[in-house]
C-alpha atoms as a PDB file:
ATOM      1  CA  MET A   1     133.166  62.868 130.334  1.00  0.00           C
ATOM      2  CA  GLU A   2     136.824  64.416 130.051  1.00  0.00           C
ATOM      3  CA  GLU A   3     139.610  62.070 129.116  1.00  0.00           C
ATOM      4  CA  THR A   4     141.951  63.173 131.956  1.00  0.00           C
ATOM      5  CA  TYR A   5     141.098  65.400 135.001  1.00  0.00           C
ATOM      6  CA  LEU A   6     143.989  67.107 136.922  1.00  0.00           C
ATOM      7  CA  ILE A   7     143.428  67.058 140.781  1.00  0.00           C
ATOM      8  CA  GLU A   8     144.617  70.218 142.294  1.00  0.00           C
ATOM      9  CA  ASP A   9     142.254  70.310 145.335  1.00  0.00           C
ATOM     10  CA  LEU A  10     142.901  68.830 148.687  1.00  0.00           C
ATOM     11  CA  GLU A  11     139.563  67.529 149.358  1.00  0.00           C
ATOM     12  CA  GLN A  12     139.637  65.753 145.954  1.00  0.00           C
ATOM     13  CA  LEU A  13     143.013  64.235 146.929  1.00  0.00           C
ATOM     14  CA  ARG A  14     141.777  63.007 150.230  1.00  0.00           C
ATOM     15  CA  ALA A  15     138.816  61.324 148.390  1.00  0.00           C
ATOM     16  CA  ILE A  16     140.979  59.299 145.932  1.00  0.00           C
ATOM     17  CA  SER A  17     143.690  58.245 148.669  1.00  0.00           C
ATOM     18  CA  ASP A  18     141.296  55.317 149.257  1.00  0.00           C
ATOM     19  CA  GLN A  19     141.985  52.176 147.071  1.00  0.00           C
ATOM     20  CA  LEU A  20     138.175  51.321 146.992  1.00  0.00           C
ATOM     21  CA  ARG A  21     137.300  54.724 145.589  1.00  0.00           C
ATOM     22  CA  VAL A  22     139.942  54.400 142.828  1.00  0.00           C
ATOM     23  CA  GLU A  23     138.361  51.065 141.950  1.00  0.00           C
ATOM     24  CA  ILE A  24     135.018  52.524 141.984  1.00  0.00           C
ATOM     25  CA  LEU A  25     136.097  55.375 139.657  1.00  0.00           C
ATOM     26  CA  HIS A  26     137.666  52.616 137.252  1.00  0.00           C
ATOM     27  CA  VAL A  27     134.466  50.441 137.181  1.00  0.00           C
ATOM     28  CA  LEU A  28     132.053  53.482 136.477  1.00  0.00           C
ATOM     29  CA  ARG A  29     134.139  54.945 133.698  1.00  0.00           C
ATOM     30  CA  ASP A  30     132.776  52.430 131.066  1.00  0.00           C
ATOM     31  CA  GLN A  31     129.143  52.131 132.220  1.00  0.00           C
ATOM     32  CA  ALA A  32     127.075  54.281 134.562  1.00  0.00           C
ATOM     33  CA  MET A  33     125.626  52.252 137.376  1.00  0.00           C
ATOM     34  CA  THR A  34     123.571  52.492 140.493  1.00  0.00           C
ATOM     35  CA  THR A  35     125.236  51.844 143.968  1.00  0.00           C
ATOM     36  CA  LYS A  36     123.366  48.530 144.104  1.00  0.00           C
ATOM     37  CA  GLN A  37     124.775  47.416 140.650  1.00  0.00           C
ATOM     38  CA  LEU A  38     128.212  48.658 141.727  1.00  0.00           C
ATOM     39  CA  GLY A  39     128.058  46.634 144.924  1.00  0.00           C
ATOM     40  CA  ASP A  40     127.065  43.541 143.167  1.00  0.00           C
ATOM     41  CA  ARG A  41     129.990  44.073 140.706  1.00  0.00           C
ATOM     42  CA  LEU A  42     132.483  44.724 143.499  1.00  0.00           C
ATOM     43  CA  GLY A  43     131.013  41.999 145.736  1.00  0.00           C
ATOM     44  CA  MET A  44     130.117  44.465 148.510  1.00  0.00           C
ATOM     45  CA  ALA A  45     127.250  45.625 150.388  1.00  0.00           C
ATOM     46  CA  PRO A  46     125.437  48.451 148.638  1.00  0.00           C
ATOM     47  CA  ALA A  47     125.341  50.604 151.784  1.00  0.00           C
ATOM     48  CA  LYS A  48     129.148  50.709 151.939  1.00  0.00           C
ATOM     49  CA  VAL A  49     129.430  51.608 148.288  1.00  0.00           C
ATOM     50  CA  HIS A  50     126.800  54.143 148.581  1.00  0.00           C
ATOM     51  CA  TYR A  51     128.906  55.977 151.095  1.00  0.00           C
ATOM     52  CA  HIS A  52     131.954  56.061 149.051  1.00  0.00           C
ATOM     53  CA  VAL A  53     130.129  57.087 145.734  1.00  0.00           C
ATOM     54  CA  ARG A  54     128.497  59.943 147.814  1.00  0.00           C
ATOM     55  CA  GLU A  55     132.066  61.150 148.886  1.00  0.00           C
ATOM     56  CA  LEU A  56     133.107  61.113 145.523  1.00  0.00           C
ATOM     57  CA  GLU A  57     130.198  62.961 144.333  1.00  0.00           C
ATOM     58  CA  ARG A  58     130.598  65.493 147.186  1.00  0.00           C
ATOM     59  CA  VAL A  59     134.060  66.568 145.912  1.00  0.00           C
ATOM     60  CA  GLY A  60     133.018  66.634 142.338  1.00  0.00           C
ATOM     61  CA  LEU A  61     134.749  63.484 140.940  1.00  0.00           C
ATOM     62  CA  VAL A  62     131.616  61.507 140.379  1.00  0.00           C
ATOM     63  CA  ARG A  63     128.287  62.936 139.185  1.00  0.00           C
ATOM     64  CA  LEU A  64     124.641  61.724 138.757  1.00  0.00           C
ATOM     65  CA  VAL A  65     124.012  61.089 135.015  1.00  0.00           C
ATOM     66  CA  GLU A  66     120.563  59.541 135.100  1.00  0.00           C
ATOM     67  CA  THR A  67     117.610  58.673 137.187  1.00  0.00           C
ATOM     68  CA  ARG A  68     115.013  56.001 136.178  1.00  0.00           C
ATOM     69  CA  GLU A  69     111.999  54.743 138.096  1.00  0.00           C
ATOM     70  CA  LYS A  70     111.679  51.143 138.623  1.00  0.00           C
ATOM     71  CA  GLY A  71     108.894  49.421 140.662  1.00  0.00           C
ATOM     72  CA  GLY A  72     108.252  52.796 142.422  1.00  0.00           C
ATOM     73  CA  ILE A  73     111.896  53.042 143.264  1.00  0.00           C
ATOM     74  CA  LEU A  74     114.095  55.824 141.896  1.00  0.00           C
ATOM     75  CA  GLU A  75     117.374  54.431 140.467  1.00  0.00           C
ATOM     76  CA  LYS A  76     120.305  56.869 140.393  1.00  0.00           C
ATOM     77  CA  TYR A  77     123.187  56.211 137.978  1.00  0.00           C
ATOM     78  CA  TYR A  78     126.616  57.620 138.576  1.00  0.00           C
ATOM     79  CA  GLN A  79     129.737  58.090 136.380  1.00  0.00           C
ATOM     80  CA  PRO A  80     132.983  59.838 136.990  1.00  0.00           C
ATOM     81  CA  ILE A  81     133.858  63.147 135.539  1.00  0.00           C
ATOM     82  CA  ALA A  82     136.765  61.723 133.677  1.00  0.00           C
ATOM     83  CA  ARG A  83     138.209  58.426 132.386  1.00  0.00           C
ATOM     84  CA  SER A  84     141.565  59.031 134.303  1.00  0.00           C
ATOM     85  CA  PHE A  85     142.821  61.225 137.165  1.00  0.00           C
ATOM     86  CA  ASN A  86     146.286  62.803 137.746  1.00  0.00           C
ATOM     87  CA  VAL A  87     147.475  64.547 140.612  1.00  0.00           C
ATOM     88  CA  SER A  88     148.994  68.055 139.944  1.00  0.00           C
ATOM     89  CA  GLY A  89     152.182  69.056 141.389  1.00  0.00           C
ATOM     90  CA  LYS A  90     150.706  72.494 141.966  1.00  0.00           C
ATOM     91  CA  ILE A  91     148.881  70.922 145.139  1.00  0.00           C
ATOM     92  CA  LEU A  92     152.141  70.916 146.861  1.00  0.00           C
ATOM     93  CA  LEU A  93     152.181  74.635 146.915  1.00  0.00           C
ATOM     94  CA  SER A  94     148.486  75.409 147.430  1.00  0.00           C
ATOM     95  CA  SER A  95     147.824  72.998 150.484  1.00  0.00           C
ATOM     96  CA  PRO A  96     149.238  72.279 153.866  1.00  0.00           C
ATOM     97  CA  PRO A  97     152.410  70.093 153.315  1.00  0.00           C
ATOM     98  CA  HIS A  98     151.393  67.729 156.066  1.00  0.00           C
ATOM     99  CA  GLU A  99     147.925  67.228 154.837  1.00  0.00           C
ATOM    100  CA  VAL A 100     149.017  66.438 151.203  1.00  0.00           C
ATOM    101  CA  LEU A 101     151.759  64.094 152.636  1.00  0.00           C
ATOM    102  CA  ALA A 102     149.208  62.271 154.715  1.00  0.00           C
ATOM    103  CA  SER A 103     146.847  61.618 151.833  1.00  0.00           C
ATOM    104  CA  LEU A 104     149.633  60.618 149.442  1.00  0.00           C
ATOM    105  CA  GLY A 105     151.291  58.629 152.090  1.00  0.00           C
ATOM    106  CA  SER A 106     147.965  56.705 152.649  1.00  0.00           C
ATOM    107  CA  MET A 107     147.617  55.942 149.033  1.00  0.00           C
ATOM    108  CA  VAL A 108     151.180  54.532 148.589  1.00  0.00           C
ATOM    109  CA  ASP A 109     150.892  52.498 151.854  1.00  0.00           C
ATOM    110  CA  GLN A 110     147.643  50.913 150.504  1.00  0.00           C
ATOM    111  CA  SER A 111     149.310  50.139 147.257  1.00  0.00           C
ATOM    112  CA  ARG A 112     152.384  48.650 148.898  1.00  0.00           C
ATOM    113  CA  ASP A 113     150.150  46.498 151.277  1.00  0.00           C
ATOM    114  CA  LYS A 114     148.095  45.186 148.210  1.00  0.00           C
ATOM    115  CA  PHE A 115     151.127  44.524 146.303  1.00  0.00           C
ATOM    116  CA  LEU A 116     152.930  42.538 149.142  1.00  0.00           C
ATOM    117  CA  ASN A 117     149.680  40.645 149.891  1.00  0.00           C
ATOM    118  CA  HIS A 118     149.398  39.454 146.206  1.00  0.00           C
ATOM    119  CA  LEU A 119     153.000  38.657 146.037  1.00  0.00           C
ATOM    120  CA  SER A 120     152.761  36.576 149.295  1.00  0.00           C
ATOM    121  CA  ARG A 121     149.768  34.596 147.885  1.00  0.00           C
ATOM    122  CA  ALA A 122     151.935  33.908 144.560  1.00  0.00           C
ATOM    123  CA  MET A 123     154.821  32.606 146.669  1.00  0.00           C
ATOM    124  CA  GLU A 124     152.540  30.477 148.713  1.00  0.00           C
ATOM    125  CA  ARG A 125     151.094  28.872 145.557  1.00  0.00           C
ATOM    126  CA  ARG A 126     154.766  28.798 144.195  1.00  0.00           C
ATOM    127  CA  ASP A 127     153.515  30.479 141.081  1.00  0.00           C
ATOM    128  CA  ASP A 128     156.511  31.125 138.650  1.00  0.00           C
ATOM    129  CA  GLN A 129     154.220  32.814 136.079  1.00  0.00           C
ATOM    130  CA  THR A 130     153.308  35.648 138.418  1.00  0.00           C
ATOM    131  CA  SER A 131     153.198  38.960 136.619  1.00  0.00           C
ATOM    132  CA  MET A 132     155.471  41.411 138.662  1.00  0.00           C
ATOM    133  CA  LEU A 133     157.490  44.349 137.398  1.00  0.00           C
ATOM    134  CA  LEU A 134     159.890  45.931 139.679  1.00  0.00           C
ATOM    135  CA  ARG A 135     162.361  48.277 138.060  1.00  0.00           C
ATOM    136  CA  TRP A 136     164.231  51.361 139.476  1.00  0.00           C
ATOM    137  CA  VAL A 137     164.525  54.243 136.783  1.00  0.00           C
ATOM    138  CA  ARG A 138     166.691  57.253 136.802  1.00  0.00           C
ATOM    139  CA  PHE A 139     166.713  59.706 133.892  1.00  0.00           C
ATOM    140  CA  ARG A 140     167.209  63.284 133.276  1.00  0.00           C
ATOM    141  CA  ALA A 141     164.462  65.228 131.333  1.00  0.00           C
ATOM    142  CA  THR A 142     162.944  68.757 130.969  1.00  0.00           C
ATOM    143  CA  TYR A 143     159.527  69.462 132.255  1.00  0.00           C
ATOM    144  CA  GLU A 144     158.137  69.361 128.822  1.00  0.00           C
ATOM    145  CA  GLU A 145     159.969  66.124 128.065  1.00  0.00           C
ATOM    146  CA  GLN A 146     158.608  64.677 131.418  1.00  0.00           C
ATOM    147  CA  LYS A 147     155.097  65.417 130.354  1.00  0.00           C
ATOM    148  CA  ARG A 148     155.601  63.626 126.944  1.00  0.00           C
ATOM    149  CA  VAL A 149     157.043  60.555 128.804  1.00  0.00           C
ATOM    150  CA  TYR A 150     153.782  60.460 130.768  1.00  0.00           C
ATOM    151  CA  GLU A 151     151.582  60.848 127.715  1.00  0.00           C
ATOM    152  CA  GLN A 152     153.503  58.054 125.742  1.00  0.00           C
ATOM    153  CA  ILE A 153     153.313  55.681 128.692  1.00  0.00           C
ATOM    154  CA  PHE A 154     149.651  56.109 129.259  1.00  0.00           C
ATOM    155  CA  GLU A 155     148.874  55.925 125.622  1.00  0.00           C
ATOM    156  CA  LEU A 156     150.635  52.714 125.410  1.00  0.00           C
ATOM    157  CA  LEU A 157     148.594  51.321 128.210  1.00  0.00           C
ATOM    158  CA  ARG A 158     145.135  52.649 126.970  1.00  0.00           C
ATOM    159  CA  PRO A 159     144.083  49.689 124.642  1.00  0.00           C
ATOM    160  CA  PHE A 160     144.727  47.172 127.542  1.00  0.00           C
ATOM    161  CA  GLU A 161     142.738  49.484 130.061  1.00  0.00           C
ATOM    162  CA  GLU A 162     139.825  49.435 127.575  1.00  0.00           C
ATOM    163  CA  ARG A 163     139.776  45.752 127.204  1.00  0.00           C
ATOM    164  CA  ASP A 164     136.490  44.082 128.466  1.00  0.00           C
ATOM    165  CA  ASP A 165     136.623  42.495 132.002  1.00  0.00           C
ATOM    166  CA  ASP A 166     136.032  39.204 130.548  1.00  0.00           C
ATOM    167  CA  GLY A 167     138.610  39.505 127.789  1.00  0.00           C
ATOM    168  CA  GLU A 168     141.960  38.033 127.309  1.00  0.00           C
ATOM    169  CA  GLY A 169     144.740  37.902 129.957  1.00  0.00           C
ATOM    170  CA  GLU A 170     144.777  38.650 133.569  1.00  0.00           C
ATOM    171  CA  VAL A 171     144.088  41.751 135.394  1.00  0.00           C
ATOM    172  CA  LEU A 172     147.264  43.784 136.504  1.00  0.00           C
ATOM    173  CA  GLN A 173     147.255  46.712 138.739  1.00  0.00           C
ATOM    174  CA  GLY A 174     149.968  49.046 139.964  1.00  0.00           C
ATOM    175  CA  MET A 175     150.843  52.734 140.908  1.00  0.00           C
ATOM    176  CA  PHE A 176     153.122  54.844 138.676  1.00  0.00           C
ATOM    177  CA  MET A 177     155.307  57.169 140.444  1.00  0.00           C
ATOM    178  CA  LEU A 178     158.054  59.505 139.335  1.00  0.00           C
ATOM    179  CA  TYR A 179     159.712  62.121 141.585  1.00  0.00           C
ATOM    180  CA  PRO A 180     162.552  64.783 141.386  1.00  0.00           C
ATOM    181  CA  ASN A 181     165.817  63.528 142.847  1.00  0.00           C
ATOM    182  CA  TYR A 182     166.978  66.950 144.426  1.00  0.00           C
ATOM    183  CA  ASP A 183     170.541  65.552 145.066  1.00  0.00           C
ATOM    184  CA  GLU A 184     170.967  65.379 141.290  1.00  0.00           C
ATOM    185  CA  HIS A 185     169.883  68.952 140.933  1.00  0.00           C
ATOM    186  CA  ALA A 186     173.109  70.139 142.767  1.00  0.00           C
ATOM    187  CA  GLY A 187     175.532  68.410 140.451  1.00  0.00           C
ATOM    188  CA  SER A 188     177.187  65.015 139.960  1.00  0.00           C
ATOM    189  CA  GLN A 189     179.500  65.042 142.895  1.00  0.00           C
ATOM    190  CA  ASP A 190     178.832  62.912 145.963  1.00  0.00           C
ATOM    191  CA  GLU A 191     177.016  65.474 148.173  1.00  0.00           C
ATOM    192  CA  ASN A 192     176.778  62.987 151.200  1.00  0.00           C
ATOM    193  CA  HIS A 193     180.393  63.521 151.737  1.00  0.00           C
ATOM    194  CA  GLN A 194     181.852  66.381 149.886  1.00  0.00           C
ATOM    195  CA  PRO A 195     185.071  68.516 150.904  1.00  0.00           C
ATOM    196  CA  ASP A 196     185.088  72.357 150.436  1.00  0.00           C
ATOM    197  CA  THR A 197     188.072  73.860 148.755  1.00  0.00           C
ATOM    198  CA  ALA A 198     189.982  73.720 151.931  1.00  0.00           C
ATOM    199  CA  GLY A 199     189.375  70.025 152.331  1.00  0.00           C
ATOM    200  CA  THR A 200     188.130  70.398 156.026  1.00  0.00           C
ATOM    201  CA  THR A 201     184.382  70.918 155.691  1.00  0.00           C
ATOM    202  CA  ARG A 202     181.944  68.102 154.889  1.00  0.00           C
ATOM    203  CA  VAL A 203     178.695  68.887 153.203  1.00  0.00           C
ATOM    204  CA  VAL A 204     176.006  66.551 154.372  1.00  0.00           C
ATOM    205  CA  SER A 205     172.657  65.943 152.465  1.00  0.00           C
ATOM    206  CA  SER A 206     169.532  65.454 154.155  1.00  0.00           C
ATOM    207  CA  GLN A 207     166.176  64.588 152.578  1.00  0.00           C
ATOM    208  CA  VAL A 208     163.165  64.772 154.722  1.00  0.00           C
ATOM    209  CA  VAL A 209     159.352  64.123 154.032  1.00  0.00           C
ATOM    210  CA  GLY A 210     157.366  65.470 157.051  1.00  0.00           C
ATOM    211  CA  VAL A 211     159.061  67.620 159.828  1.00  0.00           C
ATOM    212  CA  VAL A 212     162.722  68.350 160.140  1.00  0.00           C
ATOM    213  CA  HIS A 213     163.578  69.700 163.808  1.00  0.00           C
ATOM    214  CA  TYR A 214     166.956  71.199 164.745  1.00  0.00           C
ATOM    215  CA  SER A 215     167.910  72.459 168.250  1.00  0.00           C
ATOM    216  CA  ARG A 216     170.834  74.629 168.990  1.00  0.00           C
ATOM    217  CA  ALA A 217     172.954  71.795 170.440  1.00  0.00           C
ATOM    218  CA  GLU A 218     172.379  69.896 167.210  1.00  0.00           C
ATOM    219  CA  LEU A 219     173.611  72.829 165.104  1.00  0.00           C
ATOM    220  CA  GLU A 220     176.591  73.480 167.374  1.00  0.00           C
ATOM    221  CA  GLN A 221     177.546  69.829 167.202  1.00  0.00           C
ATOM    222  CA  LEU A 222     177.627  70.143 163.281  1.00  0.00           C
ATOM    223  CA  VAL A 223     179.874  73.129 163.563  1.00  0.00           C
ATOM    224  CA  ASP A 224     182.290  71.069 165.716  1.00  0.00           C
ATOM    225  CA  GLU A 225     182.297  68.310 163.449  1.00  0.00           C
ATOM    226  CA  GLY A 226     183.195  70.496 160.570  1.00  0.00           C
ATOM    227  CA  LYS A 227     179.870  69.661 158.710  1.00  0.00           C
ATOM    228  CA  ARG A 228     177.408  71.843 156.683  1.00  0.00           C
ATOM    229  CA  LEU A 229     173.802  70.865 155.592  1.00  0.00           C
ATOM    230  CA  ARG A 230     172.051  70.660 152.314  1.00  0.00           C
ATOM    231  CA  LEU A 231     168.419  70.163 153.182  1.00  0.00           C
ATOM    232  CA  SER A 232     165.800  69.022 150.847  1.00  0.00           C
ATOM    233  CA  VAL A 233     162.465  68.995 152.574  1.00  0.00           C
ATOM    234  CA  VAL A 234     158.887  68.281 151.768  1.00  0.00           C
ATOM    235  CA  GLY A 235     157.010  69.330 154.707  1.00  0.00           C
ATOM    236  CA  THR A 236     158.176  71.844 157.648  1.00  0.00           C
ATOM    237  CA  CYS A 237     161.543  73.080 158.786  1.00  0.00           C
ATOM    238  CA  LEU A 238     161.414  73.667 162.506  1.00  0.00           C
ATOM    239  CA  PHE A 239     164.307  75.647 164.258  1.00  0.00           C
ATOM    240  CA  ASP A 240     164.177  76.139 168.047  1.00  0.00           C
ATOM    241  CA  ALA A 241     163.783  79.802 169.224  1.00  0.00           C
ATOM    242  CA  ASP A 242     167.045  79.997 171.020  1.00  0.00           C
ATOM    243  CA  ILE A 243     169.085  79.513 167.751  1.00  0.00           C
ATOM    244  CA  GLU A 244     170.883  82.467 166.428  1.00  0.00           C
ATOM    245  CA  PRO A 245     170.689  83.293 162.686  1.00  0.00           C
ATOM    246  CA  GLU A 246     174.594  83.470 162.539  1.00  0.00           C
ATOM    247  CA  LEU A 247     174.676  79.706 163.602  1.00  0.00           C
ATOM    248  CA  VAL A 248     172.154  78.828 160.828  1.00  0.00           C
ATOM    249  CA  GLY A 249     174.109  80.713 158.414  1.00  0.00           C
ATOM    250  CA  GLN A 250     177.242  78.740 159.367  1.00  0.00           C
ATOM    251  CA  VAL A 251     175.592  75.419 159.132  1.00  0.00           C
ATOM    252  CA  VAL A 252     172.891  75.464 156.401  1.00  0.00           C
ATOM    253  CA  GLU A 253     174.559  75.738 152.928  1.00  0.00           C
ATOM    254  CA  LYS A 254     171.445  75.169 150.870  1.00  0.00           C
ATOM    255  CA  LEU A 255     167.719  74.732 151.425  1.00  0.00           C
ATOM    256  CA  THR A 256     165.267  73.174 148.944  1.00  0.00           C
ATOM    257  CA  LEU A 257     161.844  73.379 150.529  1.00  0.00           C
ATOM    258  CA  VAL A 258     158.217  72.460 149.505  1.00  0.00           C
ATOM    259  CA  GLY A 259     156.450  73.608 152.809  1.00  0.00           C
ATOM    260  CA  THR A 260     156.974  76.050 155.628  1.00  0.00           C
ATOM    261  CA  ILE A 261     159.516  77.390 157.928  1.00  0.00           C
ATOM    262  CA  GLN A 262     159.023  77.643 161.447  1.00  0.00           C
ATOM    263  CA  ALA A 263     161.641  79.791 163.192  1.00  0.00           C
ATOM    264  CA  THR A 264     162.268  83.201 164.529  1.00  0.00           C
ATOM    265  CA  PRO A 265     162.006  85.948 161.963  1.00  0.00           C
ATOM    266  CA  ALA A 266     165.869  86.449 161.776  1.00  0.00           C
ATOM    267  CA  VAL A 267     166.409  82.810 161.345  1.00  0.00           C
ATOM    268  CA  ALA A 268     163.668  82.531 158.796  1.00  0.00           C
ATOM    269  CA  GLU A 269     165.199  85.316 156.747  1.00  0.00           C
ATOM    270  CA  VAL A 270     168.725  83.599 156.813  1.00  0.00           C
ATOM    271  CA  LEU A 271     166.909  80.365 155.646  1.00  0.00           C
ATOM    272  CA  GLU A 272     165.054  82.177 152.776  1.00  0.00           C
ATOM    273  CA  GLN A 273     168.284  83.367 151.631  1.00  0.00           C
ATOM    274  CA  LYS A 274     169.503  79.847 151.527  1.00  0.00           C
ATOM    275  CA  ARG A 275     166.601  78.616 149.387  1.00  0.00           C
ATOM    276  CA  SER A 276     167.209  77.339 145.966  1.00  0.00           C
END
């Protein structure tokens, strides 16, 4: 079994976007089990667990490691291919943006719902000993420094992750997320309201996850208001077919994009020149 597996395949990302499957991977990493044993451990019907294990096996995240015959029945034992799984940033470039966003969005939504559910129960019990960590962090680091930060954090957690289920302490769960703040990449000035050298033009930053859609009327209104756009988009930039490339060049100052452009060839060419 590998120590860490890097997910770069969309099918694998879809497979682990389900919280139950993440729990299955966690339970199986220390001991190979049958779906019946896994169901007993999770307090779920074996048939339901069997479906999820087969899906994880189908995409190559779980494999059959042993078969035993017991009472005329063939028992199949499964384990994950690695102890931990990370999602590679490369998947943003190799897969359709809306599908990546759907899978990651589902994962984040489930984690949020679970967090709020447990927090609500703690509040109902008026439990002032509830273990909860909420902290907003912002720091600057090179790519290599970022990797070292991740390694140090997870190395710190490793002894607690390996503690037996009946060991000391309570079970804690969470999702660790770090993401680039594209506003910061442009400099330290306030980009949401930044005058140009003439003091008459305002630069407006817009961050979008999904689809950003502009019509000709919207761009003309921005021109009338003396505004220019700095767009940061993970998804799709959509510009209507009647928009002239000169208008886009006048309005869009900078484009940071992980995804696709849907526009006329002339407009798409202008936007490509604006990309950072």
